[in-house]
Amino acid sequence: MSKNRFEPKFNIKKGDTVIVLTGNDKGKTGKVLTVFTKTSKVIVEKVKMVKKHTKPDAKNPDGGIIPMEAPIHISNVALIDPKSGKATRIRREKGEKGWNRVSIKSGEIIE
């Protein structure tokens, strides 16, 4: 897979804990399940739940209505600072093993 050189680089990655800044789910926190770089969207656990109507198949022989998460724009979420537990922005610093993400509020390195 070749990475497109015009795709943006985001400070939020899969597995990060984020807080929702706007919308119906404002204030909710959750773990990032997927990051879509081409569309600048993320799927956050238990945020923006929608109901999907499915036909019967091998996994779900009865079909039915399944609740699932829908993507939200990456600008509507912020990373949670590991020290204070509040929303923070990120800066990148060169470290011994490469680039590190550093919280602007506390100065902690985010893994």
C-alpha atoms as a PDB file:
ATOM      1  CA  MET A   1       0.000   0.000   0.000  1.00  0.00           C
ATOM      2  CA  SER A   2       1.495   3.286  -1.044  1.00  0.00           C
ATOM      3  CA  LYS A   3       0.538   6.257   1.054  1.00  0.00           C
ATOM      4  CA  ASN A   4      -0.762   9.215  -0.861  1.00  0.00           C
ATOM      5  CA  ARG A   5       1.511  12.179  -0.224  1.00  0.00           C
ATOM      6  CA  PHE A   6      -1.476  14.517  -0.102  1.00  0.00           C
ATOM      7  CA  GLU A   7      -3.261  12.688   2.706  1.00  0.00           C
ATOM      8  CA  PRO A   8      -3.185  14.722   5.905  1.00  0.00           C
ATOM      9  CA  LYS A   9      -1.354  13.552   9.040  1.00  0.00           C
ATOM     10  CA  PHE A  10      -3.590  13.496  12.092  1.00  0.00           C
ATOM     11  CA  ASN A  11      -2.694  13.717  15.761  1.00  0.00           C
ATOM     12  CA  ILE A  12      -5.446  11.255  16.671  1.00  0.00           C
ATOM     13  CA  LYS A  13      -4.737   7.561  16.196  1.00  0.00           C
ATOM     14  CA  LYS A  14      -6.572   4.283  16.681  1.00  0.00           C
ATOM     15  CA  GLY A  15      -6.805   3.416  20.378  1.00  0.00           C
ATOM     16  CA  ASP A  16      -6.652   7.011  21.677  1.00  0.00           C
ATOM     17  CA  THR A  17      -9.218   8.239  24.182  1.00  0.00           C
ATOM     18  CA  VAL A  18     -11.037  11.296  22.872  1.00  0.00           C
ATOM     19  CA  ILE A  19     -13.834  13.651  23.921  1.00  0.00           C
ATOM     20  CA  VAL A  20     -16.552  14.853  21.545  1.00  0.00           C
ATOM     21  CA  LEU A  21     -16.592  18.656  21.243  1.00  0.00           C
ATOM     22  CA  THR A  22     -19.773  19.294  19.229  1.00  0.00           C
ATOM     23  CA  GLY A  23     -23.019  17.669  18.186  1.00  0.00           C
ATOM     24  CA  ASN A  24     -25.629  15.561  19.952  1.00  0.00           C
ATOM     25  CA  ASP A  25     -22.960  13.521  21.750  1.00  0.00           C
ATOM     26  CA  LYS A  26     -21.049  16.560  23.063  1.00  0.00           C
ATOM     27  CA  GLY A  27     -19.067  15.726  26.206  1.00  0.00           C
ATOM     28  CA  LYS A  28     -19.008  11.964  25.669  1.00  0.00           C
ATOM     29  CA  THR A  29     -15.679  10.196  25.788  1.00  0.00           C
ATOM     30  CA  GLY A  30     -14.610   7.016  24.072  1.00  0.00           C
ATOM     31  CA  LYS A  31     -11.846   5.079  22.409  1.00  0.00           C
ATOM     32  CA  VAL A  32     -11.101   5.620  18.705  1.00  0.00           C
ATOM     33  CA  LEU A  33     -11.900   2.414  16.793  1.00  0.00           C
ATOM     34  CA  THR A  34     -11.010   3.547  13.255  1.00  0.00           C
ATOM     35  CA  VAL A  35      -9.453   6.583  11.561  1.00  0.00           C
ATOM     36  CA  PHE A  36     -10.386   7.331   7.937  1.00  0.00           C
ATOM     37  CA  THR A  37      -7.615   9.581   6.594  1.00  0.00           C
ATOM     38  CA  LYS A  38      -9.146  10.152   3.156  1.00  0.00           C
ATOM     39  CA  THR A  39     -12.437  11.491   4.524  1.00  0.00           C
ATOM     40  CA  SER A  40     -10.993  12.976   7.776  1.00  0.00           C
ATOM     41  CA  LYS A  41     -13.401  11.014   9.955  1.00  0.00           C
ATOM     42  CA  VAL A  42     -13.136   8.772  13.006  1.00  0.00           C
ATOM     43  CA  ILE A  43     -15.333   6.140  14.602  1.00  0.00           C
ATOM     44  CA  VAL A  44     -15.500   6.499  18.391  1.00  0.00           C
ATOM     45  CA  GLU A  45     -16.760   3.737  20.669  1.00  0.00           C
ATOM     46  CA  LYS A  46     -20.390   4.296  21.847  1.00  0.00           C
ATOM     47  CA  VAL A  47     -20.642   7.703  20.114  1.00  0.00           C
ATOM     48  CA  LYS A  48     -23.085   8.643  17.327  1.00  0.00           C
ATOM     49  CA  MET A  49     -24.964   5.367  17.510  1.00  0.00           C
ATOM     50  CA  VAL A  50     -27.194   4.631  14.511  1.00  0.00           C
ATOM     51  CA  LYS A  51     -29.428   1.698  13.693  1.00  0.00           C
ATOM     52  CA  LYS A  52     -28.567  -0.382  10.630  1.00  0.00           C
ATOM     53  CA  HIS A  53     -31.192  -2.612   9.051  1.00  0.00           C
ATOM     54  CA  THR A  54     -29.642  -5.888   7.921  1.00  0.00           C
ATOM     55  CA  LYS A  55     -30.842  -8.790   5.834  1.00  0.00           C
ATOM     56  CA  PRO A  56     -30.365 -12.347   7.071  1.00  0.00           C
ATOM     57  CA  ASP A  57     -26.914 -13.793   6.366  1.00  0.00           C
ATOM     58  CA  ALA A  58     -24.580 -16.477   7.731  1.00  0.00           C
ATOM     59  CA  LYS A  59     -23.494 -14.425  10.768  1.00  0.00           C
ATOM     60  CA  ASN A  60     -26.969 -13.142  11.618  1.00  0.00           C
ATOM     61  CA  PRO A  61     -29.556 -15.647  10.316  1.00  0.00           C
ATOM     62  CA  ASP A  62     -32.531 -13.618  11.570  1.00  0.00           C
ATOM     63  CA  GLY A  63     -31.412 -10.230  10.225  1.00  0.00           C
ATOM     64  CA  GLY A  64     -32.897  -7.247  12.013  1.00  0.00           C
ATOM     65  CA  ILE A  65     -31.868  -3.860  13.347  1.00  0.00           C
ATOM     66  CA  ILE A  66     -28.318  -3.577  14.666  1.00  0.00           C
ATOM     67  CA  PRO A  67     -27.031  -0.516  16.586  1.00  0.00           C
ATOM     68  CA  MET A  68     -23.591   0.599  15.410  1.00  0.00           C
ATOM     69  CA  GLU A  69     -21.279   3.609  15.521  1.00  0.00           C
ATOM     70  CA  ALA A  70     -21.228   6.091  12.636  1.00  0.00           C
ATOM     71  CA  PRO A  71     -18.179   8.175  11.679  1.00  0.00           C
ATOM     72  CA  ILE A  72     -17.808  11.765  12.883  1.00  0.00           C
ATOM     73  CA  HIS A  73     -15.428  14.427  11.590  1.00  0.00           C
ATOM     74  CA  ILE A  74     -12.008  14.463  13.226  1.00  0.00           C
ATOM     75  CA  SER A  75     -12.297  18.191  13.968  1.00  0.00           C
ATOM     76  CA  ASN A  76     -15.217  17.452  16.306  1.00  0.00           C
ATOM     77  CA  VAL A  77     -13.113  15.370  18.708  1.00  0.00           C
ATOM     78  CA  ALA A  78     -10.117  16.239  20.891  1.00  0.00           C
ATOM     79  CA  LEU A  79      -7.547  14.024  22.550  1.00  0.00           C
ATOM     80  CA  ILE A  80      -7.837  13.648  26.326  1.00  0.00           C
ATOM     81  CA  ASP A  81      -4.801  14.691  28.358  1.00  0.00           C
ATOM     82  CA  PRO A  82      -3.520  11.675  30.335  1.00  0.00           C
ATOM     83  CA  LYS A  83      -2.689  13.803  33.391  1.00  0.00           C
ATOM     84  CA  SER A  84      -5.676  16.164  33.760  1.00  0.00           C
ATOM     85  CA  GLY A  85      -8.359  14.189  31.912  1.00  0.00           C
ATOM     86  CA  LYS A  86      -9.410  17.253  29.872  1.00  0.00           C
ATOM     87  CA  ALA A  87      -9.241  18.000  26.146  1.00  0.00           C
ATOM     88  CA  THR A  88      -5.816  18.978  24.852  1.00  0.00           C
ATOM     89  CA  ARG A  89      -4.009  19.803  21.648  1.00  0.00           C
ATOM     90  CA  ILE A  90      -0.887  18.001  20.478  1.00  0.00           C
ATOM     91  CA  ARG A  91       2.568  19.034  19.347  1.00  0.00           C
ATOM     92  CA  ARG A  92       5.237  16.781  17.869  1.00  0.00           C
ATOM     93  CA  GLU A  93       8.752  16.584  19.275  1.00  0.00           C
ATOM     94  CA  LYS A  94      11.756  14.696  17.992  1.00  0.00           C
ATOM     95  CA  GLY A  95      12.722  11.956  20.452  1.00  0.00           C
ATOM     96  CA  GLU A  96      15.329   9.233  20.647  1.00  0.00           C
ATOM     97  CA  LYS A  97      13.217   6.693  18.757  1.00  0.00           C
ATOM     98  CA  GLY A  98      11.501   9.130  16.384  1.00  0.00           C
ATOM     99  CA  TRP A  99       8.691  11.631  16.685  1.00  0.00           C
ATOM    100  CA  ASN A 100       6.586  11.767  19.862  1.00  0.00           C
ATOM    101  CA  ARG A 101       3.158  13.249  20.435  1.00  0.00           C
ATOM    102  CA  VAL A 102       3.254  15.633  23.402  1.00  0.00           C
ATOM    103  CA  SER A 103       0.261  17.126  25.224  1.00  0.00           C
ATOM    104  CA  ILE A 104       0.267  20.917  25.196  1.00  0.00           C
ATOM    105  CA  LYS A 105      -1.549  21.201  28.577  1.00  0.00           C
ATOM    106  CA  SER A 106       0.685  18.954  30.672  1.00  0.00           C
ATOM    107  CA  GLY A 107       3.749  18.276  28.528  1.00  0.00           C
ATOM    108  CA  GLU A 108       3.257  14.491  28.886  1.00  0.00           C
ATOM    109  CA  ILE A 109       4.259  12.182  26.045  1.00  0.00           C
ATOM    110  CA  ILE A 110       1.240  10.399  24.606  1.00  0.00           C
ATOM    111  CA  GLU A 111       1.856   6.808  23.497  1.00  0.00           C
END
